[in-house]
Amino acid sequence: MISSPPMLRAGRSSAFRLLLPFGVAALLAALLLPRMQFHHDSRSLLRADPEAQRAERELEEAFGSEDILLVAWEAGDLTDPIQFRRLRTITEALDAVAGLEEVYSLASGSVQLPLGLAGLLRPLQESDLATEAARARVRTVLRSAPVYLGTIYNDELDVVAVAGTLARNSRQQREATLREVRAIAARFQTPESELHVAGVTALAVDAGEYAVADLRRIGALALAVSVLVLLVLCRSWRETAAALLATGLPPLYALGIAGATGIPMTALGAALFPVLAVVGVTSSVHLLAALGEEQRGGSPPDLAPWLAVRRVAAPITMSLLTTGLAFASLGATGVPAFHRG
């Protein structure tokens, strides 16, 4: 059997060692990227906001928490007994959700309104809507109760909502509660009256899903464009692969490690990937320059990439380390998101 020349075997071995880290990183990212979650936390990007804190205190005083899920719909006239019965049924369904600590609506015992004699506080009941005169009185009382106005009903009394305060559980448990609430909303939905689920947690989950979807789509497009541009500039698959190796390893390893450890993606984390790409491109410039020097110096074609990497590995590593230290120094700032992650 005729064996391969030693130089060719060495070149293949070098190419394998070059491509192995990239392949491992790509596989790691492909397997773990579906587990990535985008953590929508606008408050972590800001310093203390007195107005926002005041609004949160009002919600906590009225409902015991600022983390509220709202199920709202157009009711036509919420003092209509039929609409009130529907409100009561949905309230009872949400009251059975384990992840909601308290459930507030005009049909729940948690909402106290001045509907009784001598200012006695009690919740709204179906008997309060028996006659038109009684319904008119209820409308007057509801419009004079600003604590709940705009949260579980509006001033026109044609939009009604059920508010549930989320228990202080983990993120995964809150998301499970949201899914259960949305399932209840879908069950009671009608073509004439669509039920909407809103709240901080609902916004965070939706933002996370959209962000991860955008990250996958834009990432694939960016990779395709990068390959095309590098092919036009380098006119060589080998040089293109070498450039992608230096450019793509940091983001892929970052995605894989984040997915493996359960680190959620934040707005700052998403913004970090273009920076990593720029750092990678900068490293690619040095790598390609070294590769050209090796080729012009007469190095064997199969060994030139490995020799180029060996020449620039140390300075590129030092550059990446100093860049990492610079990012780590951001933890000394007053912005919470910098030192939480």
Protein backbone atom coordinates (compact mmCIF):
# COMPACT_ATOMS: atom_id res chain seq x y z
CA MET A 1 0.00 0.00 0.00
CA ILE A 2 1.31 3.42 -0.92
CA SER A 3 1.17 5.70 2.10
CA SER A 4 0.74 9.48 2.02
CA PRO A 5 3.92 11.58 2.14
CA PRO A 6 4.87 12.65 5.70
CA MET A 7 4.41 16.35 4.82
CA LEU A 8 0.89 15.70 3.47
CA ARG A 9 -0.01 13.66 6.54
CA ALA A 10 1.25 16.47 8.76
CA GLY A 11 -0.79 18.98 6.78
CA ARG A 12 -3.95 16.93 7.19
CA SER A 13 -3.28 16.57 10.90
CA SER A 14 -2.77 20.34 11.20
CA ALA A 15 -5.96 21.06 9.29
CA PHE A 16 -7.85 18.66 11.53
CA ARG A 17 -6.51 20.38 14.65
CA LEU A 18 -7.54 23.75 13.17
CA LEU A 19 -11.06 22.68 12.29
CA LEU A 20 -11.75 20.58 15.40
CA PRO A 21 -12.29 23.55 17.80
CA PHE A 22 -14.60 25.22 15.27
CA GLY A 23 -16.58 22.01 14.76
CA VAL A 24 -16.92 21.43 18.51
CA ALA A 25 -18.05 25.04 19.04
CA ALA A 26 -20.55 24.85 16.18
CA LEU A 27 -21.98 21.58 17.49
CA LEU A 28 -22.18 22.96 21.03
CA ALA A 29 -24.01 26.08 19.84
CA ALA A 30 -26.38 24.09 17.60
CA LEU A 31 -27.35 21.75 20.45
CA LEU A 32 -27.71 24.38 23.17
CA LEU A 33 -29.01 27.44 21.31
CA PRO A 34 -32.64 26.18 21.52
CA ARG A 35 -32.29 26.35 25.32
CA MET A 36 -31.27 29.99 25.23
CA GLN A 37 -33.71 32.49 26.73
CA PHE A 38 -33.79 36.24 26.34
CA HIS A 39 -34.22 37.94 29.68
CA HIS A 40 -36.14 41.19 29.16
CA ASP A 41 -35.19 43.39 32.09
CA SER A 42 -35.28 47.06 31.13
CA ARG A 43 -34.86 48.19 34.73
CA SER A 44 -31.42 46.60 34.93
CA LEU A 45 -30.25 48.95 32.18
CA LEU A 46 -31.22 52.06 34.12
CA ARG A 47 -30.37 53.74 37.36
CA ALA A 48 -33.08 54.26 39.98
CA ASP A 49 -36.14 55.98 38.50
CA PRO A 50 -38.28 57.68 41.20
CA GLU A 51 -41.37 57.81 38.96
CA ALA A 52 -41.15 54.10 38.12
CA GLN A 53 -40.64 53.25 41.78
CA ARG A 54 -43.71 55.30 42.72
CA ALA A 55 -45.84 53.42 40.17
CA GLU A 56 -44.56 50.08 41.48
CA ARG A 57 -45.41 51.10 45.06
CA GLU A 58 -48.98 51.96 44.00
CA LEU A 59 -49.39 48.56 42.37
CA GLU A 60 -48.00 46.82 45.45
CA GLU A 61 -50.37 48.77 47.72
CA ALA A 62 -53.40 47.97 45.56
CA PHE A 63 -52.59 44.39 44.55
CA GLY A 64 -49.71 43.28 46.75
CA SER A 65 -47.25 43.03 43.85
CA GLU A 66 -46.16 44.90 40.73
CA ASP A 67 -45.81 41.59 38.83
CA ILE A 68 -49.37 41.24 37.59
CA LEU A 69 -50.96 39.25 34.78
CA LEU A 70 -54.02 40.89 33.25
CA VAL A 71 -56.65 39.05 31.24
CA ALA A 72 -58.75 41.74 29.58
CA TRP A 73 -61.51 41.85 26.99
CA GLU A 74 -64.20 44.11 25.55
CA ALA A 75 -67.36 43.54 27.55
CA GLY A 76 -69.77 45.97 25.91
CA ASP A 77 -71.36 46.85 29.25
CA LEU A 78 -69.84 45.10 32.23
CA THR A 79 -72.97 45.83 34.30
CA ASP A 80 -74.92 43.51 31.99
CA PRO A 81 -75.67 40.36 34.08
CA ILE A 82 -74.54 38.12 31.21
CA GLN A 83 -71.18 39.88 31.02
CA PHE A 84 -70.84 39.74 34.79
CA ARG A 85 -71.49 35.98 34.83
CA ARG A 86 -68.76 35.53 32.21
CA LEU A 87 -66.44 37.66 34.32
CA ARG A 88 -67.18 35.54 37.37
CA THR A 89 -66.55 32.28 35.48
CA ILE A 90 -63.17 33.47 34.17
CA THR A 91 -62.27 34.79 37.62
CA GLU A 92 -62.98 31.39 39.18
CA ALA A 93 -60.86 29.65 36.52
CA LEU A 94 -57.91 31.96 37.15
CA ASP A 95 -58.35 31.67 40.90
CA ALA A 96 -57.57 27.95 40.54
CA VAL A 97 -54.13 28.64 38.98
CA ALA A 98 -51.51 27.71 41.56
CA GLY A 99 -48.98 30.29 40.36
CA LEU A 100 -51.31 33.24 41.08
CA GLU A 101 -51.32 34.40 44.70
CA GLU A 102 -54.34 36.71 44.49
CA VAL A 103 -56.95 37.18 41.78
CA TYR A 104 -58.75 40.50 41.54
CA SER A 105 -61.83 41.37 39.52
CA LEU A 106 -65.23 42.90 40.08
CA ALA A 107 -66.45 39.36 40.69
CA SER A 108 -63.84 38.45 43.32
CA GLY A 109 -63.99 38.90 47.06
CA SER A 110 -60.65 40.70 47.01
CA VAL A 111 -62.12 43.87 45.47
CA GLN A 112 -64.06 45.92 47.99
CA LEU A 113 -66.37 48.64 46.60
CA PRO A 114 -68.85 50.95 48.44
CA LEU A 115 -71.99 49.19 47.22
CA GLY A 116 -73.70 48.46 50.54
CA LEU A 117 -75.71 50.53 52.97
CA ALA A 118 -74.01 53.18 55.12
CA GLY A 119 -70.77 52.85 53.17
CA LEU A 120 -70.34 49.17 53.94
CA LEU A 121 -67.61 47.77 51.72
CA ARG A 122 -68.28 44.56 49.83
CA PRO A 123 -67.60 43.10 46.35
CA LEU A 124 -69.97 43.41 43.41
CA GLN A 125 -72.66 40.72 43.22
CA GLU A 126 -75.09 39.64 40.53
CA SER A 127 -77.98 40.82 42.67
CA ASP A 128 -76.61 44.36 42.35
CA LEU A 129 -77.41 44.19 38.62
CA ALA A 130 -81.00 42.95 38.86
CA THR A 131 -82.68 46.18 37.65
CA GLU A 132 -81.72 49.08 35.44
CA ALA A 133 -81.83 51.45 38.42
CA ALA A 134 -79.45 49.17 40.32
CA ARG A 135 -77.11 48.95 37.33
CA ALA A 136 -77.08 52.75 37.02
CA ARG A 137 -76.11 53.00 40.67
CA VAL A 138 -73.31 50.48 40.15
CA ARG A 139 -72.01 52.47 37.17
CA THR A 140 -71.88 55.61 39.32
CA VAL A 141 -70.00 53.79 42.08
CA LEU A 142 -67.52 52.17 39.69
CA ARG A 143 -66.66 55.46 38.03
CA SER A 144 -65.86 56.91 41.45
CA ALA A 145 -63.41 54.14 42.41
CA PRO A 146 -60.08 55.26 40.92
CA VAL A 147 -57.97 52.57 42.59
CA TYR A 148 -59.07 49.95 40.07
CA LEU A 149 -59.91 52.27 37.17
CA GLY A 150 -57.88 51.26 34.13
CA THR A 151 -56.63 48.06 35.75
CA ILE A 152 -59.69 45.83 36.05
CA TYR A 153 -62.10 48.11 34.18
CA ASN A 154 -62.04 51.39 32.28
CA ASP A 155 -64.06 54.57 32.77
CA GLU A 156 -66.44 53.68 29.92
CA LEU A 157 -67.15 50.33 31.62
CA ASP A 158 -66.89 48.52 28.28
CA VAL A 159 -63.51 46.86 28.97
CA VAL A 160 -63.10 44.51 31.91
CA ALA A 161 -60.13 42.54 33.23
CA VAL A 162 -59.06 39.98 35.79
CA ALA A 163 -55.77 40.79 37.53
CA GLY A 164 -53.67 38.04 39.07
CA THR A 165 -50.53 38.66 41.12
CA LEU A 166 -47.76 36.22 40.31
CA ALA A 167 -46.18 34.28 43.14
CA ARG A 168 -42.48 35.00 43.74
CA ASN A 169 -41.35 31.84 41.99
CA SER A 170 -38.49 31.17 39.60
CA ARG A 171 -38.57 32.47 36.05
CA GLN A 172 -39.48 29.03 34.71
CA GLN A 173 -42.39 28.72 37.15
CA ARG A 174 -43.70 32.18 36.24
CA GLU A 175 -43.54 31.28 32.57
CA ALA A 176 -45.46 28.07 33.29
CA THR A 177 -48.12 30.15 35.07
CA LEU A 178 -48.32 32.46 32.06
CA ARG A 179 -48.87 29.50 29.74
CA GLU A 180 -51.67 28.23 31.98
CA VAL A 181 -53.31 31.67 32.07
CA ARG A 182 -53.09 31.94 28.29
CA ALA A 183 -54.68 28.52 27.94
CA ILE A 184 -57.61 29.71 30.09
CA ALA A 185 -57.91 32.88 27.98
CA ALA A 186 -58.01 30.78 24.81
CA ARG A 187 -60.70 28.54 26.31
CA PHE A 188 -63.05 31.41 27.08
CA GLN A 189 -62.36 33.38 23.92
CA THR A 190 -65.18 34.06 21.48
CA PRO A 191 -65.15 35.50 17.94
CA GLU A 192 -66.90 38.62 19.26
CA SER A 193 -64.70 39.11 22.32
CA GLU A 194 -60.99 38.28 22.20
CA LEU A 195 -59.20 37.87 25.52
CA HIS A 196 -55.80 39.54 25.85
CA VAL A 197 -53.11 38.59 28.37
CA ALA A 198 -50.75 41.40 29.40
CA GLY A 199 -48.27 42.21 32.16
CA VAL A 200 -44.56 42.44 32.89
CA THR A 201 -43.98 38.69 32.72
CA ALA A 202 -46.02 38.35 29.51
CA LEU A 203 -43.96 41.14 27.94
CA ALA A 204 -40.72 39.51 29.06
CA VAL A 205 -41.65 36.09 27.65
CA ASP A 206 -42.80 37.56 24.33
CA ALA A 207 -39.67 39.71 24.06
CA GLY A 208 -37.55 36.65 24.77
CA GLU A 209 -39.21 34.56 22.07
CA TYR A 210 -38.94 37.31 19.48
CA ALA A 211 -35.33 38.09 20.40
CA VAL A 212 -34.17 34.47 20.17
CA ALA A 213 -35.99 34.04 16.85
CA ASP A 214 -34.36 37.21 15.52
CA LEU A 215 -30.96 36.10 16.80
CA ARG A 216 -31.22 32.80 14.93
CA ARG A 217 -32.47 34.37 11.71
CA ILE A 218 -30.08 37.33 11.68
CA GLY A 219 -27.18 35.14 12.78
CA ALA A 220 -27.69 32.75 9.86
CA LEU A 221 -27.97 35.66 7.43
CA ALA A 222 -24.85 37.32 8.86
CA LEU A 223 -22.90 34.07 8.50
CA ALA A 224 -23.96 33.67 4.87
CA VAL A 225 -23.01 37.26 4.05
CA SER A 226 -19.66 36.89 5.86
CA VAL A 227 -18.81 33.76 3.85
CA LEU A 228 -19.74 35.50 0.59
CA VAL A 229 -17.68 38.62 1.37
CA LEU A 230 -14.67 36.58 2.47
CA LEU A 231 -14.81 34.46 -0.65
CA VAL A 232 -14.87 37.57 -2.84
CA LEU A 233 -11.96 39.13 -0.95
CA CYS A 234 -9.84 36.04 -0.36
CA ARG A 235 -10.74 34.03 -3.49
CA SER A 236 -9.90 30.91 -1.54
CA TRP A 237 -11.99 28.49 0.50
CA ARG A 238 -8.97 27.78 2.71
CA GLU A 239 -8.41 31.44 3.60
CA THR A 240 -12.14 31.93 4.07
CA ALA A 241 -12.24 28.99 6.47
CA ALA A 242 -9.24 30.38 8.37
CA ALA A 243 -10.92 33.78 8.69
CA LEU A 244 -14.21 32.23 9.85
CA LEU A 245 -12.28 30.14 12.36
CA ALA A 246 -10.94 33.24 14.08
CA THR A 247 -14.18 35.21 13.69
CA GLY A 248 -16.70 32.55 14.60
CA LEU A 249 -15.15 30.78 17.56
CA PRO A 250 -15.81 33.44 20.25
CA PRO A 251 -19.57 33.88 19.54
CA LEU A 252 -20.13 30.14 19.12
CA TYR A 253 -18.37 29.24 22.34
CA ALA A 254 -20.21 32.07 24.13
CA LEU A 255 -23.59 30.78 22.90
CA GLY A 256 -22.73 27.20 23.80
CA ILE A 257 -21.48 28.02 27.30
CA ALA A 258 -24.48 30.30 27.98
CA GLY A 259 -26.91 27.60 26.85
CA ALA A 260 -25.15 24.91 28.88
CA THR A 261 -25.08 26.94 32.09
CA GLY A 262 -28.57 28.42 31.70
CA ILE A 263 -27.38 32.02 31.46
CA PRO A 264 -30.23 34.07 29.92
CA MET A 265 -29.53 36.44 27.07
CA THR A 266 -29.98 40.10 27.98
CA ALA A 267 -30.07 43.25 25.86
CA LEU A 268 -26.41 43.81 26.70
CA GLY A 269 -25.55 40.21 25.90
CA ALA A 270 -27.20 40.45 22.49
CA ALA A 271 -25.26 43.65 21.81
CA LEU A 272 -22.03 41.84 22.71
CA PHE A 273 -22.03 39.52 19.70
CA PRO A 274 -21.29 42.25 17.10
CA VAL A 275 -18.39 43.31 19.32
CA LEU A 276 -17.13 39.73 19.42
CA ALA A 277 -17.43 39.57 15.63
CA VAL A 278 -15.38 42.76 15.27
CA VAL A 279 -12.72 41.35 17.59
CA GLY A 280 -12.73 38.16 15.54
CA VAL A 281 -12.39 40.06 12.26
CA THR A 282 -9.46 42.00 13.69
CA SER A 283 -7.81 38.72 14.61
CA SER A 284 -8.55 37.40 11.12
CA VAL A 285 -6.65 40.30 9.55
CA HIS A 286 -3.51 39.33 11.45
CA LEU A 287 -4.06 35.65 10.70
CA LEU A 288 -4.47 36.24 6.97
CA ALA A 289 -1.44 38.53 6.91
CA ALA A 290 0.64 35.81 8.58
CA LEU A 291 -0.73 33.22 6.16
CA GLY A 292 0.30 35.35 3.18
CA GLU A 293 3.79 35.77 4.59
CA GLU A 294 4.12 32.01 5.08
CA GLN A 295 2.98 31.32 1.52
CA ARG A 296 5.31 33.93 0.06
CA GLY A 297 8.15 32.58 2.19
CA GLY A 298 7.87 29.16 0.53
CA SER A 299 6.07 27.22 3.29
CA PRO A 300 4.32 24.06 2.06
CA PRO A 301 0.67 24.87 1.14
CA ASP A 302 -0.71 22.26 3.53
CA LEU A 303 1.35 23.52 6.44
CA ALA A 304 1.07 27.28 5.84
CA PRO A 305 -2.22 27.73 7.77
CA TRP A 306 -0.89 25.90 10.82
CA LEU A 307 2.39 27.81 10.76
CA ALA A 308 0.49 31.11 10.46
CA VAL A 309 -1.68 30.25 13.45
CA ARG A 310 1.37 29.28 15.48
CA ARG A 311 2.98 32.65 14.70
CA VAL A 312 0.06 34.87 15.73
CA ALA A 313 -1.59 32.73 18.44
CA ALA A 314 0.23 34.37 21.35
CA PRO A 315 -0.37 38.05 20.39
CA ILE A 316 -3.99 37.39 19.45
CA THR A 317 -4.55 35.60 22.76
CA MET A 318 -3.06 38.52 24.68
CA SER A 319 -5.26 40.93 22.74
CA LEU A 320 -8.39 38.92 23.55
CA LEU A 321 -7.43 38.74 27.23
CA THR A 322 -6.96 42.50 27.50
CA THR A 323 -10.29 43.03 25.73
CA GLY A 324 -11.95 40.68 28.21
CA LEU A 325 -10.43 42.57 31.13
CA ALA A 326 -11.75 45.82 29.68
CA PHE A 327 -15.28 44.37 29.56
CA ALA A 328 -14.89 43.04 33.10
CA SER A 329 -14.09 46.56 34.31
CA LEU A 330 -17.64 47.61 33.36
CA GLY A 331 -18.77 45.84 36.53
CA ALA A 332 -17.60 48.88 38.47
CA THR A 333 -20.28 51.08 36.89
CA GLY A 334 -23.64 51.93 38.48
CA VAL A 335 -25.68 50.14 35.81
CA PRO A 336 -26.96 46.88 37.36
CA ALA A 337 -26.87 44.88 34.12
CA PHE A 338 -23.09 45.30 33.84
CA HIS A 339 -22.26 43.62 37.13
CA ARG A 340 -25.14 41.10 37.31
CA GLY A 341 -23.90 39.15 34.32
